[in-house]
Structure formats: structure tokens, C-alpha cells
């Protein structure tokens, strides 16, 4: 999940209600432009670029909650993914602006295990892909699963929840 994208990205992120996306609930969005390096041989966005955009959207969402990389490094904690699934709905081409909406779809009460859904929209508002991820937190020194400190867990649980959000047992 903390997959660091090495490209310098122009960021435009916020919590808001977006009329273009026809959404009325508060959600985190990340907007960026598709670059040449995101394309494949068919001249549309390559499959792994969708995952890169979703990863950056997750990092931005966490940072807005006060959960930045420096905090994770200091605490020796990092998010990890167990599963990542992408459903491709439409082609996306070079120089198109894409917006990724991020929502929490499932979580334990303490935020120790969670699932997020990223919906990627083309600049005309058409949904182009859905990326679903399931993850947890890892102690990077012990290389074992861990829980967030209480304060960070509270921040994490402030992520915008999807309409179909479910609480996980555990």
C-alpha cells in the first residue's frame, strides 16, 4: 500500500461532494493526468498504472488524516495489501485527467483489518475502473501483523465510508 510512485505528480485532492461524479456522500478524491509513461503498447493506460493511481490515492487519503509516511516510519508500522483486484470498464488515454474516489468498504472496529474501494473516473465522469484492496498493518521491524496505536486507529476510522460499508469481526 505504501508503494511510492517515483514520478513527480501534480496533485489535486480533497474531501468533497463531486457533482461530476454524481456523488452526494463525502469521499476522498485524487485527480491527476495520464502521462506517456502510463501507456502500454495499445496506447491506452497500462494495467499497472491503475494500481499506481490507486496507491497514490490511498497515500493521499491517509496523509489528510494525519497518517503520513514520516509517522509510519517513526512508529515502524506500514500498511500491507493481501489482495488487489481491478475491474476495467473503459479505456483511458494519454493526457486524460482521471479522478480516483477512495472509500472504506469494510474494517474492524480498531482499523486493524480493512478493505478499500477506488473508483477511477475519466474526465467526462464515466467510470473507467474499480480497484478493490484488502489490507492490514505490519510492524516493519518484526515483520508481523500489528494494530495501529489508538490515536492513529481513530484517524483511520475517519476515512469516508461507502454506502455498503460493513464492520468486520475480530
N, C-alpha and C. Protein backbone atom coordinates (compact mmCIF):
# COMPACT_ATOMS: atom_id res chain seq x y z
N UNK A 1 0.81 -1.19 0.00
CA UNK A 1 0.00 0.00 0.00
C UNK A 1 0.86 1.26 0.00
N UNK A 2 1.97 1.24 0.64
CA UNK A 2 2.84 2.40 0.62
C UNK A 2 3.80 2.34 -0.55
N UNK A 3 3.27 1.90 -1.66
CA UNK A 3 4.02 1.82 -2.89
C UNK A 3 4.29 3.24 -3.35
N UNK A 4 5.53 3.67 -3.28
CA UNK A 4 5.86 5.05 -3.58
C UNK A 4 6.05 5.22 -5.08
N UNK A 5 5.28 6.07 -5.64
CA UNK A 5 5.36 6.38 -7.05
C UNK A 5 6.53 7.33 -7.25
N UNK A 6 7.45 7.02 -8.15
CA UNK A 6 8.66 7.82 -8.29
C UNK A 6 8.48 9.04 -9.17
N UNK A 7 7.35 9.17 -9.81
CA UNK A 7 7.12 10.32 -10.66
C UNK A 7 6.66 11.51 -9.85
N UNK A 8 7.02 12.68 -10.27
CA UNK A 8 6.50 13.89 -9.65
C UNK A 8 5.10 14.08 -10.17
N UNK A 9 4.14 14.12 -9.26
CA UNK A 9 2.74 14.18 -9.65
C UNK A 9 2.13 15.52 -9.26
N UNK A 10 1.33 16.05 -10.17
CA UNK A 10 0.56 17.24 -9.85
C UNK A 10 -0.68 16.77 -9.11
N UNK A 11 -0.85 17.19 -7.86
CA UNK A 11 -1.91 16.67 -7.02
C UNK A 11 -3.05 17.66 -6.88
N UNK A 12 -4.24 17.10 -6.87
CA UNK A 12 -5.44 17.88 -6.59
C UNK A 12 -6.35 16.95 -5.83
N UNK A 13 -6.31 16.99 -4.49
CA UNK A 13 -7.07 16.05 -3.68
C UNK A 13 -7.88 16.80 -2.63
N UNK A 14 -9.00 16.19 -2.23
CA UNK A 14 -9.88 16.82 -1.26
C UNK A 14 -10.99 15.88 -0.85
N UNK A 15 -11.64 16.20 0.27
CA UNK A 15 -12.87 15.55 0.65
C UNK A 15 -13.98 16.46 0.16
N UNK A 16 -14.89 15.93 -0.63
CA UNK A 16 -15.93 16.79 -1.15
C UNK A 16 -17.06 15.98 -1.76
N UNK A 17 -18.11 16.69 -2.11
CA UNK A 17 -19.19 16.11 -2.88
C UNK A 17 -18.98 16.57 -4.31
N UNK A 18 -18.80 15.66 -5.24
CA UNK A 18 -18.43 15.99 -6.60
C UNK A 18 -19.60 15.80 -7.55
N UNK A 19 -20.16 16.90 -8.09
CA UNK A 19 -21.30 16.77 -8.98
C UNK A 19 -20.95 16.03 -10.27
N UNK A 20 -19.70 16.12 -10.72
CA UNK A 20 -19.30 15.40 -11.93
C UNK A 20 -19.41 13.89 -11.72
N UNK A 21 -19.05 13.43 -10.52
CA UNK A 21 -19.11 12.01 -10.22
C UNK A 21 -20.50 11.59 -9.75
N UNK A 22 -21.41 12.57 -9.67
CA UNK A 22 -22.79 12.30 -9.26
C UNK A 22 -22.85 11.65 -7.89
N UNK A 23 -22.05 12.15 -6.97
CA UNK A 23 -22.00 11.59 -5.63
C UNK A 23 -22.52 12.61 -4.64
N UNK A 24 -23.23 12.14 -3.63
CA UNK A 24 -23.71 13.04 -2.60
C UNK A 24 -23.03 12.79 -1.27
N UNK A 25 -22.30 11.68 -1.13
CA UNK A 25 -21.62 11.41 0.13
C UNK A 25 -20.21 11.99 0.08
N UNK A 26 -19.67 12.21 1.26
CA UNK A 26 -18.30 12.72 1.34
C UNK A 26 -17.36 11.58 0.99
N UNK A 27 -16.43 11.86 0.09
CA UNK A 27 -15.45 10.86 -0.29
C UNK A 27 -14.13 11.56 -0.56
N UNK A 28 -13.06 10.80 -0.47
CA UNK A 28 -11.75 11.35 -0.78
C UNK A 28 -11.52 11.17 -2.27
N UNK A 29 -11.04 12.22 -2.93
CA UNK A 29 -10.71 12.09 -4.34
C UNK A 29 -9.29 12.56 -4.59
N UNK A 30 -8.68 11.95 -5.57
CA UNK A 30 -7.34 12.28 -6.03
C UNK A 30 -7.45 12.42 -7.54
N UNK A 31 -6.94 13.54 -8.07
CA UNK A 31 -7.03 13.80 -9.50
C UNK A 31 -5.64 13.98 -10.08
N UNK A 32 -5.42 13.40 -11.27
CA UNK A 32 -4.14 13.53 -11.94
C UNK A 32 -4.32 13.28 -13.42
N UNK A 33 -3.27 13.57 -14.15
CA UNK A 33 -3.29 13.41 -15.60
C UNK A 33 -2.51 12.16 -16.02
N UNK A 34 -3.01 11.45 -17.00
CA UNK A 34 -2.33 10.26 -17.53
C UNK A 34 -1.14 10.72 -18.37
N UNK A 35 0.02 10.18 -18.06
CA UNK A 35 1.25 10.55 -18.75
C UNK A 35 1.68 9.46 -19.72
N UNK A 36 2.63 9.80 -20.58
CA UNK A 36 3.18 8.86 -21.56
C UNK A 36 3.65 7.58 -20.87
N UNK A 37 4.29 7.70 -19.72
CA UNK A 37 4.82 6.53 -19.02
C UNK A 37 3.73 5.60 -18.49
N UNK A 38 2.48 6.05 -18.47
CA UNK A 38 1.36 5.23 -18.02
C UNK A 38 0.77 4.37 -19.14
N UNK A 39 1.23 4.53 -20.37
CA UNK A 39 0.63 3.85 -21.51
C UNK A 39 1.28 2.50 -21.79
N UNK A 40 0.51 1.64 -22.47
CA UNK A 40 1.04 0.36 -22.93
C UNK A 40 1.16 0.38 -24.45
N UNK A 41 1.48 -0.76 -25.05
CA UNK A 41 1.67 -0.84 -26.50
C UNK A 41 0.39 -0.54 -27.29
N UNK A 42 -0.76 -0.66 -26.66
CA UNK A 42 -2.03 -0.36 -27.32
C UNK A 42 -2.41 1.11 -27.22
N UNK A 43 -1.53 1.90 -26.63
CA UNK A 43 -1.70 3.35 -26.49
C UNK A 43 -2.86 3.74 -25.57
N UNK A 44 -3.16 2.86 -24.62
CA UNK A 44 -4.08 3.24 -23.54
C UNK A 44 -3.38 2.95 -22.22
N UNK A 45 -3.99 3.40 -21.13
CA UNK A 45 -3.34 3.26 -19.83
C UNK A 45 -3.11 1.77 -19.52
N UNK A 46 -1.85 1.46 -19.17
CA UNK A 46 -1.47 0.07 -18.86
C UNK A 46 -2.11 -0.38 -17.54
N UNK A 47 -2.26 -1.68 -17.41
CA UNK A 47 -2.95 -2.23 -16.24
C UNK A 47 -2.32 -1.82 -14.92
N UNK A 48 -1.01 -1.80 -14.82
CA UNK A 48 -0.36 -1.49 -13.56
C UNK A 48 -0.45 0.00 -13.19
N UNK A 49 -0.73 0.86 -14.16
CA UNK A 49 -0.89 2.28 -13.86
C UNK A 49 -2.16 2.52 -13.03
N UNK A 50 -3.18 1.69 -13.25
CA UNK A 50 -4.40 1.81 -12.43
C UNK A 50 -4.06 1.57 -10.96
N UNK A 51 -3.24 0.55 -10.71
CA UNK A 51 -2.82 0.24 -9.34
C UNK A 51 -1.96 1.37 -8.77
N UNK A 52 -1.11 1.98 -9.62
CA UNK A 52 -0.28 3.09 -9.16
C UNK A 52 -1.15 4.28 -8.75
N UNK A 53 -2.15 4.61 -9.56
CA UNK A 53 -3.03 5.72 -9.22
C UNK A 53 -3.80 5.41 -7.92
N UNK A 54 -4.27 4.19 -7.76
CA UNK A 54 -4.99 3.81 -6.54
C UNK A 54 -4.07 3.89 -5.32
N UNK A 55 -2.83 3.44 -5.46
CA UNK A 55 -1.87 3.51 -4.35
C UNK A 55 -1.62 4.96 -3.95
N UNK A 56 -1.46 5.84 -4.92
CA UNK A 56 -1.24 7.25 -4.60
C UNK A 56 -2.47 7.85 -3.94
N UNK A 57 -3.65 7.46 -4.40
CA UNK A 57 -4.89 7.94 -3.79
C UNK A 57 -4.97 7.51 -2.32
N UNK A 58 -4.55 6.27 -2.02
CA UNK A 58 -4.55 5.79 -0.63
C UNK A 58 -3.59 6.61 0.22
N UNK A 59 -2.40 6.87 -0.30
CA UNK A 59 -1.40 7.63 0.45
C UNK A 59 -1.92 9.03 0.74
N UNK A 60 -2.53 9.65 -0.26
CA UNK A 60 -3.08 11.00 -0.09
C UNK A 60 -4.20 10.99 0.97
N UNK A 61 -5.07 10.01 0.90
CA UNK A 61 -6.18 9.92 1.87
C UNK A 61 -5.64 9.77 3.28
N UNK A 62 -4.64 8.91 3.46
CA UNK A 62 -4.05 8.71 4.79
C UNK A 62 -3.35 9.98 5.28
N UNK A 63 -2.62 10.65 4.39
CA UNK A 63 -1.93 11.88 4.78
C UNK A 63 -2.91 12.94 5.26
N UNK A 64 -4.05 13.04 4.60
CA UNK A 64 -5.04 14.03 5.02
C UNK A 64 -5.61 13.72 6.40
N UNK A 65 -5.47 12.49 6.85
CA UNK A 65 -5.92 12.11 8.19
C UNK A 65 -4.79 12.20 9.21
N UNK A 66 -3.64 12.72 8.81
CA UNK A 66 -2.50 12.83 9.71
C UNK A 66 -1.66 11.58 9.78
N UNK A 67 -1.86 10.67 8.84
CA UNK A 67 -1.13 9.40 8.82
C UNK A 67 -0.14 9.42 7.65
N UNK A 68 0.93 10.21 7.82
CA UNK A 68 1.88 10.36 6.73
C UNK A 68 3.02 9.36 6.86
N UNK A 69 3.88 9.33 5.84
CA UNK A 69 4.98 8.37 5.82
C UNK A 69 5.95 8.56 6.98
N UNK A 70 6.18 9.81 7.38
CA UNK A 70 7.09 10.05 8.50
C UNK A 70 6.55 9.45 9.79
N UNK A 71 5.24 9.55 9.99
CA UNK A 71 4.62 8.96 11.19
C UNK A 71 4.77 7.45 11.16
N UNK A 72 4.50 6.84 10.00
CA UNK A 72 4.65 5.38 9.88
C UNK A 72 6.10 4.96 10.11
N UNK A 73 7.05 5.71 9.57
CA UNK A 73 8.46 5.38 9.75
C UNK A 73 8.87 5.48 11.22
N UNK A 74 8.41 6.53 11.87
CA UNK A 74 8.73 6.73 13.30
C UNK A 74 8.20 5.57 14.15
N UNK A 75 7.00 5.10 13.82
CA UNK A 75 6.35 4.03 14.59
C UNK A 75 6.71 2.62 14.09
N UNK A 76 7.46 2.55 12.99
CA UNK A 76 7.84 1.26 12.39
C UNK A 76 6.61 0.44 12.01
N UNK A 77 5.62 1.14 11.44
CA UNK A 77 4.37 0.50 11.00
C UNK A 77 4.14 0.86 9.55
N UNK A 78 3.59 -0.07 8.80
CA UNK A 78 3.22 0.23 7.43
C UNK A 78 2.03 -0.59 7.00
N UNK A 79 1.23 -0.04 6.09
CA UNK A 79 0.10 -0.80 5.57
C UNK A 79 0.57 -1.83 4.55
N UNK A 80 -0.07 -2.98 4.54
CA UNK A 80 0.24 -4.00 3.54
C UNK A 80 -1.06 -4.47 2.91
N UNK A 81 -0.94 -4.95 1.69
CA UNK A 81 -2.11 -5.49 0.98
C UNK A 81 -2.05 -7.00 0.95
N UNK A 82 -3.21 -7.62 1.16
CA UNK A 82 -3.36 -9.06 0.98
C UNK A 82 -3.95 -9.38 -0.38
N UNK A 83 -4.73 -8.43 -0.89
CA UNK A 83 -5.45 -8.66 -2.14
C UNK A 83 -5.65 -7.33 -2.85
N UNK A 84 -5.53 -7.37 -4.17
CA UNK A 84 -5.83 -6.22 -5.01
C UNK A 84 -6.50 -6.74 -6.27
N UNK A 85 -7.67 -6.19 -6.57
CA UNK A 85 -8.46 -6.66 -7.71
C UNK A 85 -8.93 -5.45 -8.52
N UNK A 86 -8.69 -5.49 -9.82
CA UNK A 86 -9.10 -4.38 -10.68
C UNK A 86 -10.09 -4.88 -11.72
N UNK A 87 -11.17 -4.14 -11.87
CA UNK A 87 -12.14 -4.38 -12.93
C UNK A 87 -12.04 -3.20 -13.88
N UNK A 88 -11.69 -3.49 -15.15
CA UNK A 88 -11.53 -2.46 -16.16
C UNK A 88 -12.85 -2.28 -16.90
N UNK A 89 -13.31 -1.04 -17.00
CA UNK A 89 -14.60 -0.76 -17.61
C UNK A 89 -14.49 0.04 -18.91
N UNK A 90 -13.52 0.95 -18.99
CA UNK A 90 -13.34 1.80 -20.17
C UNK A 90 -11.86 2.06 -20.38
N UNK A 91 -11.50 2.33 -21.62
CA UNK A 91 -10.13 2.72 -21.93
C UNK A 91 -9.87 4.14 -21.43
N UNK A 92 -8.61 4.37 -21.03
CA UNK A 92 -8.17 5.70 -20.64
C UNK A 92 -6.93 6.01 -21.46
N UNK A 93 -6.88 7.20 -22.03
CA UNK A 93 -5.77 7.56 -22.91
C UNK A 93 -4.87 8.65 -22.35
N UNK A 94 -3.83 8.95 -23.13
CA UNK A 94 -2.84 9.94 -22.71
C UNK A 94 -3.48 11.32 -22.54
N UNK A 95 -2.98 12.04 -21.56
CA UNK A 95 -3.40 13.40 -21.22
C UNK A 95 -4.82 13.50 -20.70
N UNK A 96 -5.48 12.37 -20.48
CA UNK A 96 -6.80 12.43 -19.85
C UNK A 96 -6.61 12.67 -18.36
N UNK A 97 -7.46 13.50 -17.81
CA UNK A 97 -7.46 13.70 -16.37
C UNK A 97 -8.34 12.62 -15.75
N UNK A 98 -7.82 11.94 -14.76
CA UNK A 98 -8.59 10.91 -14.07
C UNK A 98 -8.77 11.31 -12.62
N UNK A 99 -9.90 10.93 -12.06
CA UNK A 99 -10.20 11.18 -10.65
C UNK A 99 -10.46 9.84 -9.99
N UNK A 100 -9.80 9.61 -8.87
CA UNK A 100 -9.96 8.37 -8.13
C UNK A 100 -10.67 8.68 -6.82
N UNK A 101 -11.83 8.07 -6.64
CA UNK A 101 -12.61 8.21 -5.41
C UNK A 101 -12.24 7.04 -4.50
N UNK A 102 -11.91 7.33 -3.25
CA UNK A 102 -11.49 6.30 -2.30
C UNK A 102 -12.47 6.24 -1.14
N UNK A 103 -12.94 5.03 -0.84
CA UNK A 103 -13.86 4.82 0.28
C UNK A 103 -13.50 3.55 1.03
N UNK A 104 -13.73 3.59 2.34
CA UNK A 104 -13.57 2.42 3.20
C UNK A 104 -14.82 1.56 3.04
N UNK A 105 -14.65 0.31 2.62
CA UNK A 105 -15.81 -0.58 2.42
C UNK A 105 -16.00 -1.58 3.55
N UNK A 106 -14.93 -1.83 4.32
CA UNK A 106 -15.02 -2.77 5.45
C UNK A 106 -13.84 -2.51 6.38
N UNK A 107 -14.06 -2.75 7.67
CA UNK A 107 -13.00 -2.58 8.63
C UNK A 107 -13.39 -3.21 9.97
N UNK A 108 -12.37 -3.65 10.70
CA UNK A 108 -12.59 -3.98 12.10
C UNK A 108 -12.76 -2.67 12.86
N UNK A 109 -13.35 -2.74 14.04
CA UNK A 109 -13.56 -1.53 14.85
C UNK A 109 -12.27 -0.78 15.11
N UNK A 110 -11.18 -1.52 15.30
CA UNK A 110 -9.89 -0.90 15.61
C UNK A 110 -9.08 -0.55 14.36
N UNK A 111 -9.64 -0.80 13.18
CA UNK A 111 -8.95 -0.48 11.93
C UNK A 111 -7.80 -1.42 11.59
N UNK A 112 -7.67 -2.53 12.34
CA UNK A 112 -6.55 -3.44 12.14
C UNK A 112 -6.62 -4.17 10.80
N UNK A 113 -7.79 -4.48 10.33
CA UNK A 113 -8.01 -5.11 9.01
C UNK A 113 -9.03 -4.24 8.30
N UNK A 114 -8.88 -4.12 6.99
CA UNK A 114 -9.73 -3.19 6.27
C UNK A 114 -9.81 -3.53 4.79
N UNK A 115 -10.77 -2.91 4.14
CA UNK A 115 -10.93 -3.02 2.68
C UNK A 115 -11.30 -1.63 2.15
N UNK A 116 -10.71 -1.29 1.03
CA UNK A 116 -10.98 -0.01 0.37
C UNK A 116 -11.42 -0.26 -1.06
N UNK A 117 -12.20 0.67 -1.57
CA UNK A 117 -12.59 0.63 -2.98
C UNK A 117 -12.19 1.96 -3.60
N UNK A 118 -11.49 1.86 -4.72
CA UNK A 118 -11.12 3.03 -5.51
C UNK A 118 -11.91 2.95 -6.81
N UNK A 119 -12.63 4.02 -7.12
CA UNK A 119 -13.32 4.09 -8.41
C UNK A 119 -12.60 5.16 -9.22
N UNK A 120 -12.15 4.77 -10.42
CA UNK A 120 -11.41 5.66 -11.29
C UNK A 120 -12.34 6.18 -12.37
N UNK A 121 -12.46 7.50 -12.46
CA UNK A 121 -13.35 8.15 -13.42
C UNK A 121 -12.55 8.93 -14.45
N UNK A 122 -13.02 8.87 -15.69
CA UNK A 122 -12.46 9.69 -16.75
C UNK A 122 -12.93 11.13 -16.55
N UNK A 123 -12.30 12.05 -17.27
CA UNK A 123 -12.64 13.47 -17.08
C UNK A 123 -14.07 13.80 -17.46
N UNK A 124 -14.72 12.96 -18.27
CA UNK A 124 -16.13 13.20 -18.63
C UNK A 124 -17.09 12.59 -17.61
N UNK A 125 -16.55 12.03 -16.49
CA UNK A 125 -17.38 11.47 -15.44
C UNK A 125 -17.72 10.01 -15.61
N UNK A 126 -17.25 9.38 -16.68
CA UNK A 126 -17.51 7.96 -16.92
C UNK A 126 -16.57 7.11 -16.07
N UNK A 127 -17.13 6.13 -15.36
CA UNK A 127 -16.32 5.24 -14.53
C UNK A 127 -15.50 4.33 -15.45
N UNK A 128 -14.17 4.33 -15.27
CA UNK A 128 -13.29 3.56 -16.12
C UNK A 128 -12.77 2.29 -15.45
N UNK A 129 -12.74 2.26 -14.12
CA UNK A 129 -12.22 1.09 -13.41
C UNK A 129 -12.62 1.13 -11.95
N UNK A 130 -12.62 -0.07 -11.35
CA UNK A 130 -12.84 -0.20 -9.91
C UNK A 130 -11.69 -1.05 -9.37
N UNK A 131 -10.98 -0.51 -8.39
CA UNK A 131 -9.87 -1.22 -7.77
C UNK A 131 -10.25 -1.48 -6.32
N UNK A 132 -10.28 -2.77 -5.93
CA UNK A 132 -10.61 -3.15 -4.56
C UNK A 132 -9.35 -3.71 -3.91
N UNK A 133 -9.07 -3.25 -2.69
CA UNK A 133 -7.92 -3.76 -1.96
C UNK A 133 -8.33 -4.17 -0.56
N UNK A 134 -7.65 -5.19 -0.03
CA UNK A 134 -7.84 -5.63 1.34
C UNK A 134 -6.47 -5.61 2.01
N UNK A 135 -6.42 -5.08 3.23
CA UNK A 135 -5.13 -4.96 3.86
C UNK A 135 -5.17 -4.94 5.38
N UNK A 136 -4.00 -4.66 5.93
CA UNK A 136 -3.81 -4.63 7.37
C UNK A 136 -2.57 -3.79 7.64
N UNK A 137 -2.08 -3.83 8.86
CA UNK A 137 -0.90 -3.07 9.27
C UNK A 137 0.21 -4.03 9.70
N UNK A 138 1.45 -3.69 9.36
CA UNK A 138 2.58 -4.55 9.67
C UNK A 138 3.61 -3.78 10.48
N UNK A 139 4.15 -4.44 11.49
CA UNK A 139 5.32 -3.93 12.20
C UNK A 139 6.50 -4.22 11.28
N UNK A 140 7.13 -3.18 10.75
CA UNK A 140 8.17 -3.39 9.74
C UNK A 140 9.48 -3.92 10.33
N UNK A 141 9.65 -3.84 11.64
CA UNK A 141 10.84 -4.41 12.26
C UNK A 141 10.65 -5.90 12.55
N UNK A 142 9.49 -6.25 13.12
CA UNK A 142 9.20 -7.64 13.46
C UNK A 142 8.70 -8.43 12.27
N UNK A 143 8.26 -7.72 11.23
CA UNK A 143 7.71 -8.34 10.02
C UNK A 143 6.48 -9.19 10.36
N UNK A 144 5.68 -8.67 11.28
CA UNK A 144 4.45 -9.34 11.74
C UNK A 144 3.30 -8.34 11.68
N UNK A 145 2.09 -8.89 11.57
CA UNK A 145 0.91 -8.03 11.60
C UNK A 145 0.78 -7.38 12.96
N UNK A 146 0.26 -6.16 12.97
CA UNK A 146 0.10 -5.41 14.20
C UNK A 146 -1.16 -4.56 14.13
N UNK A 147 -1.44 -3.85 15.19
CA UNK A 147 -2.56 -2.90 15.22
C UNK A 147 -1.98 -1.50 15.27
N UNK A 148 -2.78 -0.55 14.87
CA UNK A 148 -2.37 0.85 14.96
C UNK A 148 -2.46 1.33 16.40
N UNK A 149 -1.60 2.28 16.77
CA UNK A 149 -1.81 2.94 18.06
C UNK A 149 -3.22 3.56 18.06
N UNK A 150 -3.82 3.67 19.23
CA UNK A 150 -5.23 4.10 19.33
C UNK A 150 -5.51 5.40 18.59
N UNK A 151 -4.62 6.38 18.73
CA UNK A 151 -4.85 7.68 18.08
C UNK A 151 -4.89 7.53 16.55
N UNK A 152 -3.95 6.76 15.99
CA UNK A 152 -3.95 6.55 14.54
C UNK A 152 -5.16 5.73 14.10
N UNK A 153 -5.56 4.77 14.92
CA UNK A 153 -6.74 3.96 14.59
C UNK A 153 -7.97 4.86 14.50
N UNK A 154 -8.07 5.82 15.41
CA UNK A 154 -9.20 6.76 15.37
C UNK A 154 -9.16 7.58 14.09
N UNK A 155 -7.97 8.03 13.71
CA UNK A 155 -7.84 8.79 12.46
C UNK A 155 -8.22 7.92 11.26
N UNK A 156 -7.72 6.70 11.24
CA UNK A 156 -8.00 5.80 10.11
C UNK A 156 -9.51 5.59 9.95
N UNK A 157 -10.20 5.46 11.07
CA UNK A 157 -11.64 5.20 11.00
C UNK A 157 -12.43 6.43 10.54
N UNK A 158 -11.75 7.55 10.33
CA UNK A 158 -12.38 8.74 9.77
C UNK A 158 -12.40 8.73 8.25
N UNK A 159 -11.80 7.70 7.64
CA UNK A 159 -11.88 7.59 6.18
C UNK A 159 -13.35 7.57 5.76
N UNK A 160 -13.67 8.19 4.64
CA UNK A 160 -15.05 8.15 4.16
C UNK A 160 -15.49 6.70 3.93
N UNK A 161 -16.68 6.38 4.41
CA UNK A 161 -17.21 5.02 4.28
C UNK A 161 -18.15 4.93 3.09
N UNK A 162 -18.12 3.79 2.44
CA UNK A 162 -19.01 3.56 1.31
C UNK A 162 -20.42 3.30 1.82
N UNK A 163 -21.39 3.43 0.94
CA UNK A 163 -22.78 3.15 1.30
C UNK A 163 -22.97 1.70 1.72
N UNK A 164 -22.13 0.80 1.20
CA UNK A 164 -22.23 -0.62 1.52
C UNK A 164 -21.19 -1.06 2.56
N UNK A 165 -20.69 -0.13 3.35
CA UNK A 165 -19.69 -0.42 4.39
C UNK A 165 -20.18 -1.50 5.35
N UNK A 166 -19.28 -2.42 5.71
CA UNK A 166 -19.59 -3.44 6.72
C UNK A 166 -18.47 -3.47 7.75
N UNK A 167 -18.85 -3.73 8.99
CA UNK A 167 -17.87 -3.88 10.05
C UNK A 167 -17.44 -5.33 10.11
N UNK A 168 -16.14 -5.56 10.15
CA UNK A 168 -15.58 -6.90 10.19
C UNK A 168 -15.48 -7.39 11.64
N UNK A 169 -15.65 -8.67 11.83
CA UNK A 169 -15.47 -9.27 13.16
C UNK A 169 -13.99 -9.32 13.49
N UNK A 170 -13.71 -9.33 14.79
CA UNK A 170 -12.33 -9.55 15.18
C UNK A 170 -11.83 -8.67 16.19
